[in-house]
Amino acid sequence: MNREKEIEAYLKGKLPEEEKAKYEIAQELGLLDKVLGGGWKTLTAKETGRIGGLMARKKK
């Protein structure tokens, strides 16, 4: 899914649960504006790892 379609699906609430969780965690960490503005590739490795770690913890 390309960035524009993914953002549009997020705003409409039509993302799969796992993708939705990724956006929710990014919002909790204050990174959502950065993601919406430039995509996931604009995040640093530390920020991406933080999101991944919280997703793994939430999954358990």
C-alpha atoms as a PDB file:
ATOM      1  CA  MET A   1       0.000   0.000   0.000  1.00  0.00           C
ATOM      2  CA  ASN A   2       1.476   3.349  -0.918  1.00  0.00           C
ATOM      3  CA  ARG A   3       1.805   6.134   1.610  1.00  0.00           C
ATOM      4  CA  GLU A   4      -1.131   8.256   0.453  1.00  0.00           C
ATOM      5  CA  LYS A   5      -3.539   5.320   0.409  1.00  0.00           C
ATOM      6  CA  GLU A   6      -2.360   4.149   3.813  1.00  0.00           C
ATOM      7  CA  ILE A   7      -2.799   7.604   5.348  1.00  0.00           C
ATOM      8  CA  GLU A   8      -6.243   7.934   3.761  1.00  0.00           C
ATOM      9  CA  ALA A   9      -7.241   4.501   5.125  1.00  0.00           C
ATOM     10  CA  TYR A  10      -5.950   5.529   8.582  1.00  0.00           C
ATOM     11  CA  LEU A  11      -7.963   8.727   8.586  1.00  0.00           C
ATOM     12  CA  LYS A  12     -11.091   6.822   7.523  1.00  0.00           C
ATOM     13  CA  GLY A  13     -10.453   4.091  10.105  1.00  0.00           C
ATOM     14  CA  LYS A  14     -10.177   1.319   7.511  1.00  0.00           C
ATOM     15  CA  LEU A  15      -6.780  -0.128   8.405  1.00  0.00           C
ATOM     16  CA  PRO A  16      -6.176  -3.665   9.680  1.00  0.00           C
ATOM     17  CA  GLU A  17      -5.843  -3.895  13.469  1.00  0.00           C
ATOM     18  CA  GLU A  18      -2.061  -4.317  13.408  1.00  0.00           C
ATOM     19  CA  GLU A  19      -1.566  -1.245  11.213  1.00  0.00           C
ATOM     20  CA  LYS A  20      -3.998   0.731  13.339  1.00  0.00           C
ATOM     21  CA  ALA A  21      -2.003  -0.198  16.445  1.00  0.00           C
ATOM     22  CA  LYS A  22       1.162   1.116  14.785  1.00  0.00           C
ATOM     23  CA  TYR A  23      -0.452   4.508  14.212  1.00  0.00           C
ATOM     24  CA  GLU A  24      -1.901   4.597  17.746  1.00  0.00           C
ATOM     25  CA  ILE A  25       1.511   3.912  19.274  1.00  0.00           C
ATOM     26  CA  ALA A  26       3.100   6.558  17.058  1.00  0.00           C
ATOM     27  CA  GLN A  27       0.487   8.999  18.332  1.00  0.00           C
ATOM     28  CA  GLU A  28       1.180   8.052  21.959  1.00  0.00           C
ATOM     29  CA  LEU A  29       4.882   8.704  21.400  1.00  0.00           C
ATOM     30  CA  GLY A  30       4.239  12.040  19.687  1.00  0.00           C
ATOM     31  CA  LEU A  31       5.488  10.803  16.320  1.00  0.00           C
ATOM     32  CA  LEU A  32       2.221  10.741  14.380  1.00  0.00           C
ATOM     33  CA  ASP A  33       2.709  14.168  12.775  1.00  0.00           C
ATOM     34  CA  LYS A  34       6.142  13.116  11.569  1.00  0.00           C
ATOM     35  CA  VAL A  35       4.721   9.879  10.105  1.00  0.00           C
ATOM     36  CA  LEU A  36       1.792  11.588   8.408  1.00  0.00           C
ATOM     37  CA  GLY A  37       4.061  14.279   6.997  1.00  0.00           C
ATOM     38  CA  GLY A  38       6.879  12.172   5.633  1.00  0.00           C
ATOM     39  CA  GLY A  39       5.948   8.539   6.027  1.00  0.00           C
ATOM     40  CA  TRP A  40       7.473   5.809   8.138  1.00  0.00           C
ATOM     41  CA  LYS A  41      10.873   6.222   6.478  1.00  0.00           C
ATOM     42  CA  THR A  42      11.370   9.568   8.234  1.00  0.00           C
ATOM     43  CA  LEU A  43      11.605   7.891  11.638  1.00  0.00           C
ATOM     44  CA  THR A  44      14.960   7.092  13.169  1.00  0.00           C
ATOM     45  CA  ALA A  45      15.947   3.527  14.040  1.00  0.00           C
ATOM     46  CA  LYS A  46      15.428   4.347  17.711  1.00  0.00           C
ATOM     47  CA  GLU A  47      11.886   5.630  17.108  1.00  0.00           C
ATOM     48  CA  THR A  48      11.012   2.648  14.909  1.00  0.00           C
ATOM     49  CA  GLY A  49      12.391   0.243  17.511  1.00  0.00           C
ATOM     50  CA  ARG A  50      10.371   1.908  20.214  1.00  0.00           C
ATOM     51  CA  ILE A  51       7.184   1.467  18.174  1.00  0.00           C
ATOM     52  CA  GLY A  52       8.058  -2.167  17.399  1.00  0.00           C
ATOM     53  CA  GLY A  53       8.794  -2.914  21.040  1.00  0.00           C
ATOM     54  CA  LEU A  54       5.517  -1.453  22.211  1.00  0.00           C
ATOM     55  CA  MET A  55       3.632  -3.360  19.502  1.00  0.00           C
ATOM     56  CA  ALA A  56       5.238  -6.628  20.652  1.00  0.00           C
ATOM     57  CA  ARG A  57       4.391  -5.879  24.276  1.00  0.00           C
ATOM     58  CA  LYS A  58       0.812  -4.987  23.360  1.00  0.00           C
ATOM     59  CA  LYS A  59       0.447  -8.202  21.330  1.00  0.00           C
ATOM     60  CA  LYS A  60       1.203 -10.375  24.391  1.00  0.00           C
END
